[in-house]
C-alpha atoms as a PDB file:
ATOM      1  CA  MET A   1     -19.383 -48.505  33.779  1.00  0.00           C
ATOM      2  CA  GLY A   2     -21.626 -45.360  33.762  1.00  0.00           C
ATOM      3  CA  ILE A   3     -19.714 -44.008  36.657  1.00  0.00           C
ATOM      4  CA  LEU A   4     -16.509 -43.936  34.059  1.00  0.00           C
ATOM      5  CA  MET A   5     -18.449 -42.370  31.450  1.00  0.00           C
ATOM      6  CA  SER A   6     -19.065 -39.296  33.095  1.00  0.00           C
ATOM      7  CA  ALA A   7     -15.760 -38.870  34.670  1.00  0.00           C
ATOM      8  CA  ASP A   8     -15.021 -38.963  30.566  1.00  0.00           C
ATOM      9  CA  ALA A   9     -16.913 -36.683  30.141  1.00  0.00           C
ATOM     10  CA  ALA A  10     -16.622 -34.202  32.495  1.00  0.00           C
ATOM     11  CA  ALA A  11     -13.032 -34.281  31.817  1.00  0.00           C
ATOM     12  CA  ALA A  12     -13.535 -33.679  28.038  1.00  0.00           C
ATOM     13  CA  THR A  13     -15.793 -30.880  28.988  1.00  0.00           C
ATOM     14  CA  GLY A  14     -13.274 -29.456  31.346  1.00  0.00           C
ATOM     15  CA  THR A  15     -10.754 -29.650  28.621  1.00  0.00           C
ATOM     16  CA  GLY A  16     -13.138 -28.261  26.115  1.00  0.00           C
ATOM     17  CA  ALA A  17     -13.439 -24.969  28.678  1.00  0.00           C
ATOM     18  CA  PHE A  18      -9.696 -24.929  29.087  1.00  0.00           C
ATOM     19  CA  MET A  19      -9.283 -24.520  25.338  1.00  0.00           C
ATOM     20  CA  LEU A  20     -11.723 -21.929  24.810  1.00  0.00           C
ATOM     21  CA  ILE A  21     -10.297 -19.945  27.655  1.00  0.00           C
ATOM     22  CA  TYR A  22      -6.534 -20.110  25.960  1.00  0.00           C
ATOM     23  CA  ILE A  23      -7.883 -19.440  22.925  1.00  0.00           C
ATOM     24  CA  VAL A  24      -9.707 -15.865  24.071  1.00  0.00           C
ATOM     25  CA  VAL A  25      -6.150 -15.427  25.922  1.00  0.00           C
ATOM     26  CA  ILE A  26      -4.245 -15.516  22.374  1.00  0.00           C
ATOM     27  CA  VAL A  27      -6.967 -13.311  20.683  1.00  0.00           C
ATOM     28  CA  ALA A  28      -6.651 -10.592  23.482  1.00  0.00           C
ATOM     29  CA  PHE A  29      -2.960 -10.504  23.502  1.00  0.00           C
ATOM     30  CA  ILE A  30      -2.968 -10.531  19.647  1.00  0.00           C
ATOM     31  CA  TYR A  31      -5.197  -7.578  19.694  1.00  0.00           C
ATOM     32  CA  PHE A  32      -3.077  -5.440  22.401  1.00  0.00           C
ATOM     33  CA  LEU A  33      -0.240  -5.999  20.981  1.00  0.00           C
ATOM     34  CA  MET A  34      -0.453  -5.809  16.821  1.00  0.00           C
ATOM     35  CA  ILE A  35      -4.322  -4.383  15.927  1.00  0.00           C
ATOM     36  CA  ARG A  36      -4.463  -1.743  18.568  1.00  0.00           C
ATOM     37  CA  PRO A  37      -1.107   0.070  17.926  1.00  0.00           C
ATOM     38  CA  GLN A  38      -1.557  -0.365  14.402  1.00  0.00           C
ATOM     39  CA  LYS A  39      -4.986   1.205  14.396  1.00  0.00           C
ATOM     40  CA  LYS A  40      -3.454   3.802  16.945  1.00  0.00           C
ATOM     41  CA  GLU A  41      -0.571   4.655  14.386  1.00  0.00           C
ATOM     42  CA  GLN A  42      -3.275   5.102  11.391  1.00  0.00           C
ATOM     43  CA  LYS A  43      -5.113   7.465  12.885  1.00  0.00           C
ATOM     44  CA  ARG A  44      -2.413   9.714  13.933  1.00  0.00           C
ATOM     45  CA  MET A  45      -1.408   9.456  10.003  1.00  0.00           C
ATOM     46  CA  GLY A  46      -4.727  10.283   8.666  1.00  0.00           C
ATOM     47  CA  ALA A  47      -4.768  13.397  11.472  1.00  0.00           C
ATOM     48  CA  MET A  48      -1.468  14.748  10.561  1.00  0.00           C
ATOM     49  CA  LEU A  49      -1.967  14.633   6.476  1.00  0.00           C
ATOM     50  CA  SER A  50      -5.620  16.479   7.051  1.00  0.00           C
ATOM     51  CA  ALA A  51      -3.799  19.034   9.425  1.00  0.00           C
ATOM     52  CA  LEU A  52      -1.421  19.316   6.314  1.00  0.00           C
ATOM     53  CA  GLU A  53      -1.013  23.316   4.667  1.00  0.00           C
ATOM     54  CA  ILE A  54       0.654  24.642   2.066  1.00  0.00           C
ATOM     55  CA  GLY A  55       3.934  26.170   3.543  1.00  0.00           C
ATOM     56  CA  ASP A  56       4.573  23.426   5.833  1.00  0.00           C
ATOM     57  CA  SER A  57       7.509  21.400   6.172  1.00  0.00           C
ATOM     58  CA  ILE A  58       8.018  17.830   6.091  1.00  0.00           C
ATOM     59  CA  LEU A  59      10.046  14.775   5.813  1.00  0.00           C
ATOM     60  CA  THR A  60       9.446  12.195   3.430  1.00  0.00           C
ATOM     61  CA  ASN A  61       9.815   8.246   3.694  1.00  0.00           C
ATOM     62  CA  SER A  62      12.734   8.387   1.951  1.00  0.00           C
ATOM     63  CA  GLY A  63      14.782  11.071   4.217  1.00  0.00           C
ATOM     64  CA  PHE A  64      14.314  14.290   1.780  1.00  0.00           C
ATOM     65  CA  TYR A  65      13.144  17.530   3.855  1.00  0.00           C
ATOM     66  CA  GLY A  66      10.667  19.862   2.042  1.00  0.00           C
ATOM     67  CA  ILE A  67       8.414  22.554   1.794  1.00  0.00           C
ATOM     68  CA  VAL A  68       4.508  21.790   0.656  1.00  0.00           C
ATOM     69  CA  ILE A  69       3.943  24.069  -2.251  1.00  0.00           C
ATOM     70  CA  ASP A  70       0.699  22.728  -3.367  1.00  0.00           C
ATOM     71  CA  ILE A  71      -2.521  19.911  -2.327  1.00  0.00           C
ATOM     72  CA  THR A  72      -4.916  18.225  -4.243  1.00  0.00           C
ATOM     73  CA  ASP A  73      -6.821  14.828  -2.648  1.00  0.00           C
ATOM     74  CA  ASP A  74      -4.075  12.680  -2.528  1.00  0.00           C
ATOM     75  CA  THR A  75      -1.080  14.201  -3.832  1.00  0.00           C
ATOM     76  CA  VAL A  76       0.943  17.141  -2.619  1.00  0.00           C
ATOM     77  CA  ILE A  77       4.088  18.513  -4.791  1.00  0.00           C
ATOM     78  CA  VAL A  78       6.824  19.420  -2.265  1.00  0.00           C
ATOM     79  CA  GLU A  79      10.050  21.808  -3.002  1.00  0.00           C
ATOM     80  CA  PHE A  80      13.024  20.603  -2.301  1.00  0.00           C
ATOM     81  CA  GLY A  81      16.199  22.678  -1.423  1.00  0.00           C
ATOM     82  CA  ASN A  82      16.774  25.897  -2.448  1.00  0.00           C
ATOM     83  CA  ASN A  83      16.401  25.167  -6.179  1.00  0.00           C
ATOM     84  CA  LYS A  84      13.046  26.819  -6.819  1.00  0.00           C
ATOM     85  CA  ASN A  85      13.316  24.316  -9.485  1.00  0.00           C
ATOM     86  CA  CYS A  86      13.030  21.459  -8.013  1.00  0.00           C
ATOM     87  CA  ARG A  87       8.958  20.975  -7.256  1.00  0.00           C
ATOM     88  CA  ILE A  88       7.763  17.066  -7.446  1.00  0.00           C
ATOM     89  CA  PRO A  89       4.528  15.405  -6.874  1.00  0.00           C
ATOM     90  CA  MET A  90       4.340  12.712  -4.442  1.00  0.00           C
ATOM     91  CA  GLN A  91       1.511  11.008  -2.568  1.00  0.00           C
ATOM     92  CA  LYS A  92       0.630  12.017   0.812  1.00  0.00           C
ATOM     93  CA  THR A  93       1.382   8.353   2.088  1.00  0.00           C
ATOM     94  CA  ALA A  94       5.183   9.513   1.806  1.00  0.00           C
ATOM     95  CA  ILE A  95       5.086  11.889   4.263  1.00  0.00           C
ATOM     96  CA  ALA A  96       6.391  10.876   7.582  1.00  0.00           C
ATOM     97  CA  GLN A  97       6.292  13.860   9.879  1.00  0.00           C
ATOM     98  CA  VAL A  98       5.049  17.290   9.273  1.00  0.00           C
ATOM     99  CA  GLU A  99       6.656  20.558  11.247  1.00  0.00           C
ATOM    100  CA  LYS A 100       4.194  23.581  10.930  1.00  0.00           C
ATOM    101  CA  ALA A 101       5.293  26.617   9.414  1.00  0.00           C
ATOM    102  CA  GLY A 102       4.905  28.774  12.373  1.00  0.00           C
ATOM    103  CA  GLU A 103       6.534  26.309  14.462  1.00  0.00           C
END
């Protein structure tokens, strides 16, 4: 009877170790496929927005092209089209792409 108990205990320990390894693999999989690319994209967007200057041409998330006229902490004023009266304030987070004025 003692032999059967020790075999059951060993099997339970082996199963527990397998489950632990399985959980670690799943967490690593989620990290490398979901969390890491998102953080990398956030760093890229932060660097792009911190390098934003007056006169840069931008593309908004809604698909409009414009030129930056003024910059504050979290908003920018963008001029759209040839009409100089079409100046709209928007959040920096609405900017999808920046093209520098000199390029």
